[in-house]
Amino acid sequence: MKKYFTFLLMLLEAVPTFAQGNLVLNPSFEQMDTCPNSLDQARFALGWSSYKQSPDYYNSCAGINSIVSVPSNVAGFQMAHSGNGYIGLQTFFTPVTREIIGSEFLSPMIIGQEYFISIYLSCAFDTSAQGGQIACASNKIGVKFSTVPYSINSPAPIDIFAQVFVDSILSDTSNWFQLTGSFFADSAYNYVMVGNFFDDLNSDTLQFLPNFFRAYYLIDDICINDKPECILSSQTNELHFANPLLFDQLNKKHFINFSGGVPDKLLIYNLYGNLVYIESSFSNKIINEILMSNFNDGIYIAYLKKTGTTYKLKFQVI
C-alpha cells in the first residue's frame, strides 16, 4: 500500500552554549555517580540532591526497558533538551506535596551583581505513572537561591517566594519551555533550588483528565551567569529541517531533507518511545535510504542532532 506523509509540526530547538561563568555544577545532569535504576535517585546526578521529598533522575544509560531511561520512562516520552539526562520532580499534589532539587554553586554570588537565569521545563503526562498518575499541569515552577543547604530531613520551605518563577500554567507535554529571568543578588547565595515554592492556595493547576491532581515536570539545562548568555534566544538559523519528507517519484523513496550543515545523527521514534530508525552517516544534505513506506501507519518523531543542538520534527504516516 502506498504511504502518504502528513507534516504536523516542526520545532527548532538549539541548546545554548553556556559561558564559563555558569555557577551551576553539572547543569544538564550528564555527569553521574551511578546510572539510575529506580525512582528517587536524584542524588546520582553529580552535585545534586533532594532538598525536599523524592525527585527523580532519568538517563538513557538506564536502558530502553527501564522506568528511568530517556526518552521513554515512567513519566512518559521526552528526549533530553541536551545530552542524555534530566531531572523529574512533582510540582503540585495536594495538600502541599512538592519535590525540590538542589545543588551548591561553584562559587558564591556577589552581592549587588546582576545574574541571569535560564532553565528548561517540560510537562509530563502519563496516567499509569508509578507512584501516582500524572495528568495535571501547574504554574509557579521556579528557581530559588539560599545561603544554606537543605535535605530530605531538613527540607526547603514552601514560603511563597522564589527569585525567578513562571506565573502561567505550563501545559505543553511535547516541547521544552525556556524559563528566563534576572535579579540583583542581595546575599552571597551559594545554593540553588528548583521546584514549586508556593502553597496550594497560591498555585494554579490545569487538569488534563478529571480527578487527576498530580503535576510533574522534567528539568534540564540550568544556567545562572553574571552575563546575559543564559537568556539569549535558543533559535538559530543554522542546521534545520527544510522541505521535509520529500518523495522521490523515480526511486519510490522518501527523504528527510535539511540544510545549514551536516548533522551528526538522526533518530526516529514512534509514539511508544521505540527507536525505529537511526542514521549517523550522511550524503551531502539529504538523509537517504530511509524507506518510510515500510513504516507502519502512525505518528513519528524525528530528532536531528549536531554538537549538542537538537531539532525536532513530528510527522504522520498514513
Protein backbone atom coordinates (compact mmCIF):
# COMPACT_ATOMS: atom_id res chain seq x y z
CA MET A 1 0.00 0.00 0.00
CA LYS A 2 1.31 3.41 -0.91
CA LYS A 3 2.16 5.59 2.10
CA TYR A 4 1.45 9.29 2.41
CA PHE A 5 3.12 11.63 4.84
CA THR A 6 1.47 14.46 6.73
CA PHE A 7 3.72 17.15 8.16
CA LEU A 8 2.35 18.02 11.61
CA LEU A 9 4.85 20.19 13.41
CA MET A 10 8.40 21.40 13.07
CA LEU A 11 10.07 22.80 16.15
CA LEU A 12 13.64 24.08 16.04
CA GLU A 13 15.50 23.85 19.28
CA ALA A 14 19.11 24.81 19.78
CA VAL A 15 20.86 24.09 23.02
CA PRO A 16 22.59 27.26 24.23
CA THR A 17 26.31 27.26 24.72
CA PHE A 18 26.86 28.20 28.32
CA ALA A 19 29.64 30.62 29.15
CA GLN A 20 32.40 29.73 31.55
CA GLY A 21 30.62 31.83 34.15
CA ASN A 22 27.79 29.36 34.75
CA LEU A 23 27.64 28.91 38.53
CA VAL A 24 25.81 25.58 38.27
CA LEU A 25 27.72 22.32 38.60
CA ASN A 26 26.54 19.64 36.16
CA PRO A 27 23.82 21.92 34.69
CA SER A 28 22.40 19.35 32.24
CA PHE A 29 22.67 16.33 34.58
CA GLU A 30 25.04 14.43 32.30
CA GLN A 31 27.64 13.58 34.94
CA MET A 32 26.64 10.91 37.42
CA ASP A 33 27.97 8.85 40.30
CA THR A 34 25.81 5.89 39.28
CA CYS A 35 23.43 5.20 36.43
CA PRO A 36 19.85 5.40 37.80
CA ASN A 37 17.87 2.17 38.10
CA SER A 38 14.81 3.35 40.04
CA LEU A 39 12.91 6.45 41.11
CA ASP A 40 14.06 8.74 43.96
CA GLN A 41 17.70 8.78 42.79
CA ALA A 42 18.33 12.45 42.04
CA ARG A 43 21.44 12.13 44.21
CA PHE A 44 23.04 10.04 41.43
CA ALA A 45 23.42 13.21 39.30
CA LEU A 46 26.79 14.63 40.33
CA GLY A 47 26.46 17.59 42.68
CA TRP A 48 22.67 17.38 43.04
CA SER A 49 20.49 16.06 45.86
CA SER A 50 16.95 16.15 47.19
CA TYR A 51 16.10 19.34 49.06
CA LYS A 52 12.55 18.13 49.66
CA GLN A 53 10.92 14.71 49.24
CA SER A 54 11.95 12.46 46.31
CA PRO A 55 12.85 14.00 42.92
CA ASP A 56 13.93 11.55 40.22
CA TYR A 57 16.89 11.20 37.87
CA TYR A 58 16.48 9.95 34.29
CA ASN A 59 19.29 8.96 31.93
CA SER A 60 19.48 6.92 28.73
CA CYS A 61 22.23 4.80 30.33
CA ALA A 62 19.46 3.02 32.26
CA GLY A 63 18.42 1.11 29.12
CA ILE A 64 15.27 1.08 27.00
CA ASN A 65 13.21 -1.08 29.38
CA SER A 66 13.92 1.00 32.49
CA ILE A 67 11.35 3.29 34.11
CA VAL A 68 14.10 5.92 34.49
CA SER A 69 15.55 5.83 30.96
CA VAL A 70 15.46 8.57 28.30
CA PRO A 71 13.45 9.24 26.20
CA SER A 72 10.83 6.68 27.33
CA ASN A 73 10.24 6.38 31.07
CA VAL A 74 7.63 6.29 33.82
CA ALA A 75 6.82 9.97 33.24
CA GLY A 76 6.05 9.49 29.55
CA PHE A 77 8.21 10.18 26.49
CA GLN A 78 10.64 13.09 26.21
CA MET A 79 14.09 13.50 24.69
CA ALA A 80 16.57 15.39 26.85
CA HIS A 81 16.83 19.04 25.90
CA SER A 82 20.52 18.31 25.56
CA GLY A 83 22.61 15.23 26.23
CA ASN A 84 21.12 12.10 27.80
CA GLY A 85 19.75 13.04 31.22
CA TYR A 86 17.28 15.19 33.12
CA ILE A 87 15.59 15.53 36.50
CA GLY A 88 11.87 14.95 37.17
CA LEU A 89 10.01 16.41 40.12
CA GLN A 90 6.47 16.84 41.41
CA THR A 91 5.31 20.46 41.44
CA PHE A 92 1.78 20.01 42.72
CA PHE A 93 -0.14 17.41 44.67
CA THR A 94 -2.49 18.49 47.41
CA PRO A 95 -2.02 19.04 50.27
CA VAL A 96 1.24 20.92 49.61
CA THR A 97 3.24 17.96 48.32
CA ARG A 98 6.30 19.27 46.48
CA GLU A 99 9.62 17.85 45.30
CA ILE A 100 12.67 20.13 45.18
CA ILE A 101 16.15 19.55 43.77
CA GLY A 102 19.20 21.50 44.91
CA SER A 103 22.94 21.98 44.43
CA GLU A 104 25.84 24.07 45.68
CA PHE A 105 27.24 26.75 43.36
CA LEU A 106 30.77 26.55 42.02
CA SER A 107 31.31 29.93 43.69
CA PRO A 108 29.02 32.22 45.73
CA MET A 109 27.07 35.05 44.15
CA ILE A 110 28.45 38.57 44.56
CA ILE A 111 26.16 40.95 46.43
CA GLY A 112 24.87 43.70 44.11
CA GLN A 113 25.76 41.79 40.94
CA GLU A 114 23.02 41.13 38.36
CA TYR A 115 22.57 37.46 37.47
CA PHE A 116 20.75 35.94 34.51
CA ILE A 117 18.84 32.68 34.87
CA SER A 118 17.69 30.12 32.30
CA ILE A 119 16.12 26.71 32.86
CA TYR A 120 14.26 24.35 30.54
CA LEU A 121 10.98 22.73 31.67
CA SER A 122 8.68 20.13 30.12
CA CYS A 123 5.32 18.99 31.50
CA ALA A 124 4.92 15.21 31.93
CA PHE A 125 1.81 13.21 31.14
CA ASP A 126 1.36 9.52 31.98
CA THR A 127 -1.78 8.17 33.63
CA SER A 128 -0.05 4.92 34.51
CA ALA A 129 2.98 6.51 36.15
CA GLN A 130 4.42 4.55 39.05
CA GLY A 131 3.83 6.29 42.36
CA GLY A 132 0.90 8.38 41.12
CA GLN A 133 -0.90 9.18 37.89
CA ILE A 134 0.32 12.32 36.10
CA ALA A 135 -2.32 14.27 34.17
CA CYS A 136 -2.16 17.79 35.55
CA ALA A 137 -0.17 20.95 34.84
CA SER A 138 0.77 23.73 37.25
CA ASN A 139 2.41 27.13 37.46
CA LYS A 140 4.88 28.72 39.94
CA ILE A 141 7.77 26.46 38.96
CA GLY A 142 10.96 28.36 39.54
CA VAL A 143 14.48 28.84 40.78
CA LYS A 144 15.33 29.92 44.32
CA PHE A 145 18.64 30.73 45.97
CA SER A 146 19.83 30.11 49.51
CA THR A 147 22.84 30.61 51.78
CA VAL A 148 22.21 27.25 53.46
CA PRO A 149 21.68 23.73 52.06
CA TYR A 150 18.59 21.61 52.63
CA SER A 151 17.90 17.89 52.64
CA ILE A 152 15.13 15.33 52.97
CA ASN A 153 15.45 15.53 56.75
CA SER A 154 15.71 19.33 56.73
CA PRO A 155 13.57 20.27 53.71
CA ALA A 156 13.41 23.57 51.88
CA PRO A 157 10.46 25.73 52.98
CA ILE A 158 7.32 26.32 50.91
CA ASP A 159 7.24 30.03 51.77
CA ILE A 160 5.52 31.57 48.70
CA PHE A 161 8.73 33.00 47.29
CA ALA A 162 11.27 32.34 44.53
CA GLN A 163 13.63 34.73 42.78
CA VAL A 164 12.53 33.54 39.31
CA PHE A 165 9.37 31.57 38.51
CA VAL A 166 6.75 31.16 35.82
CA ASP A 167 3.30 32.52 36.66
CA SER A 168 1.45 30.87 33.77
CA ILE A 169 0.45 27.20 33.70
CA LEU A 170 2.90 25.19 31.59
CA SER A 171 0.76 22.55 29.86
CA ASP A 172 2.92 21.62 26.83
CA THR A 173 3.83 17.94 27.16
CA SER A 174 5.70 17.73 23.84
CA ASN A 175 8.26 20.52 23.91
CA TRP A 176 10.71 22.23 26.25
CA PHE A 177 9.88 25.67 27.67
CA GLN A 178 12.71 28.07 28.49
CA LEU A 179 12.11 30.00 31.71
CA THR A 180 14.36 33.05 31.91
CA GLY A 181 14.84 35.94 34.30
CA SER A 182 17.37 38.10 36.10
CA PHE A 183 17.86 39.64 39.53
CA PHE A 184 20.43 41.51 41.63
CA ALA A 185 21.91 39.35 44.37
CA ASP A 186 21.05 40.69 47.83
CA SER A 187 23.07 37.97 49.59
CA ALA A 188 26.13 35.84 48.84
CA TYR A 189 23.91 32.94 47.79
CA ASN A 190 25.80 29.69 47.26
CA TYR A 191 22.96 27.17 46.77
CA VAL A 192 20.35 26.85 44.03
CA MET A 193 16.99 25.06 44.26
CA VAL A 194 14.40 24.18 41.60
CA GLY A 195 10.72 23.41 42.23
CA ASN A 196 7.41 24.99 43.24
CA PHE A 197 7.87 27.03 46.42
CA PHE A 198 4.23 28.19 46.56
CA ASP A 199 1.49 26.52 48.59
CA ASP A 200 -1.78 25.16 47.17
CA LEU A 201 -3.65 28.42 47.70
CA ASN A 202 -1.07 30.33 45.64
CA SER A 203 -0.61 27.73 42.88
CA ASP A 204 -2.90 27.20 39.90
CA THR A 205 -3.42 23.92 38.05
CA LEU A 206 -4.95 22.56 34.86
CA GLN A 207 -6.31 19.00 34.87
CA PHE A 208 -5.87 17.12 31.60
CA LEU A 209 -8.32 14.46 32.83
CA PRO A 210 -10.97 14.53 35.60
CA ASN A 211 -9.74 13.69 39.11
CA PHE A 212 -6.06 13.94 38.21
CA PHE A 213 -4.28 16.37 40.53
CA ARG A 214 -0.59 15.46 40.26
CA ALA A 215 1.67 17.81 38.27
CA TYR A 216 5.16 16.62 37.35
CA TYR A 217 7.86 18.38 35.32
CA LEU A 218 11.15 17.49 33.71
CA ILE A 219 14.13 19.82 34.28
CA ASP A 220 17.20 20.30 32.08
CA ASP A 221 19.96 22.77 31.17
CA ILE A 222 20.14 25.18 34.11
CA CYS A 223 22.26 28.28 33.55
CA ILE A 224 22.98 31.00 36.13
CA ASN A 225 25.53 33.55 34.97
CA ASP A 226 26.54 37.16 35.50
CA LYS A 227 26.42 37.60 31.72
CA PRO A 228 23.26 37.55 29.55
CA GLU A 229 24.28 34.49 27.51
CA CYS A 230 21.89 32.43 29.60
CA ILE A 231 18.79 34.18 28.37
CA LEU A 232 19.68 34.58 24.70
CA SER A 233 17.17 33.11 22.27
CA SER A 234 17.54 29.40 21.65
CA GLN A 235 16.58 29.81 18.00
CA THR A 236 19.22 29.54 15.30
CA ASN A 237 19.44 29.95 11.55
CA GLU A 238 21.95 27.14 11.19
CA LEU A 239 21.17 23.46 10.73
CA HIS A 240 17.44 22.83 10.29
CA PHE A 241 14.86 20.70 8.52
CA ALA A 242 13.94 22.08 5.10
CA ASN A 243 11.02 20.90 2.97
CA PRO A 244 10.88 17.69 4.99
CA LEU A 245 9.56 14.34 3.82
CA LEU A 246 10.24 14.78 0.13
CA PHE A 247 9.12 11.96 -2.17
CA ASP A 248 11.40 10.70 -4.93
CA GLN A 249 8.89 9.53 -7.55
CA LEU A 250 11.55 7.91 -9.73
CA ASN A 251 13.10 5.76 -7.00
CA LYS A 252 9.93 5.44 -4.92
CA LYS A 253 11.70 6.62 -1.77
CA HIS A 254 11.08 9.29 0.82
CA PHE A 255 13.80 11.58 2.06
CA ILE A 256 14.15 13.83 5.08
CA ASN A 257 15.79 16.99 3.80
CA PHE A 258 17.75 19.54 5.83
CA SER A 259 20.05 22.50 5.26
CA GLY A 260 22.66 24.54 7.07
CA GLY A 261 25.27 21.84 7.64
CA VAL A 262 25.80 18.13 8.06
CA PRO A 263 24.31 16.62 11.23
CA ASP A 264 25.87 14.00 13.49
CA LYS A 265 22.85 11.78 13.89
CA LEU A 266 19.18 11.27 13.03
CA LEU A 267 16.89 9.27 15.32
CA ILE A 268 13.24 8.43 14.64
CA TYR A 269 10.92 7.19 17.40
CA ASN A 270 7.33 6.05 17.32
CA LEU A 271 4.85 7.41 19.88
CA TYR A 272 5.50 4.40 22.13
CA GLY A 273 9.08 5.56 22.58
CA ASN A 274 10.60 2.81 20.45
CA LEU A 275 13.58 3.73 18.30
CA VAL A 276 12.64 2.68 14.75
CA TYR A 277 15.45 4.28 12.76
CA ILE A 278 18.94 5.66 13.38
CA GLU A 279 21.37 7.20 10.91
CA SER A 280 24.85 8.62 11.53
CA SER A 281 26.29 8.54 8.01
CA PHE A 282 25.13 11.27 5.67
CA SER A 283 25.47 12.11 1.99
CA ASN A 284 25.56 15.82 1.18
CA LYS A 285 22.45 17.42 2.68
CA ILE A 286 19.89 14.65 2.26
CA ILE A 287 19.41 11.72 4.60
CA ASN A 288 18.86 8.93 2.13
CA GLU A 289 17.88 5.26 2.07
CA ILE A 290 15.05 5.80 4.55
CA LEU A 291 12.33 3.52 3.20
CA MET A 292 9.49 5.12 5.09
CA SER A 293 6.98 3.15 3.07
CA ASN A 294 7.97 0.26 5.34
CA PHE A 295 6.87 2.17 8.44
CA ASN A 296 3.53 1.23 10.00
CA ASP A 297 0.78 3.83 10.00
CA GLY A 298 1.13 6.25 12.89
CA ILE A 299 2.85 9.33 14.24
CA TYR A 300 6.65 9.51 14.46
CA ILE A 301 9.10 11.97 15.96
CA ALA A 302 12.46 12.63 14.31
CA TYR A 303 15.39 14.20 16.14
CA LEU A 304 18.26 15.71 14.17
CA LYS A 305 21.37 16.23 16.32
CA LYS A 306 24.60 18.14 15.87
CA THR A 307 27.13 19.03 18.61
CA GLY A 308 24.57 19.50 21.36
CA THR A 309 21.88 21.05 19.16
CA THR A 310 18.63 19.17 18.65
CA TYR A 311 15.94 19.75 16.01
CA LYS A 312 12.60 18.01 16.30
CA LEU A 313 10.14 17.01 13.55
CA LYS A 314 6.80 15.31 14.12
CA PHE A 315 5.16 13.59 11.14
CA GLN A 316 2.44 11.08 10.37
CA VAL A 317 2.49 8.06 8.07
CA ILE A 318 -0.95 7.11 6.69
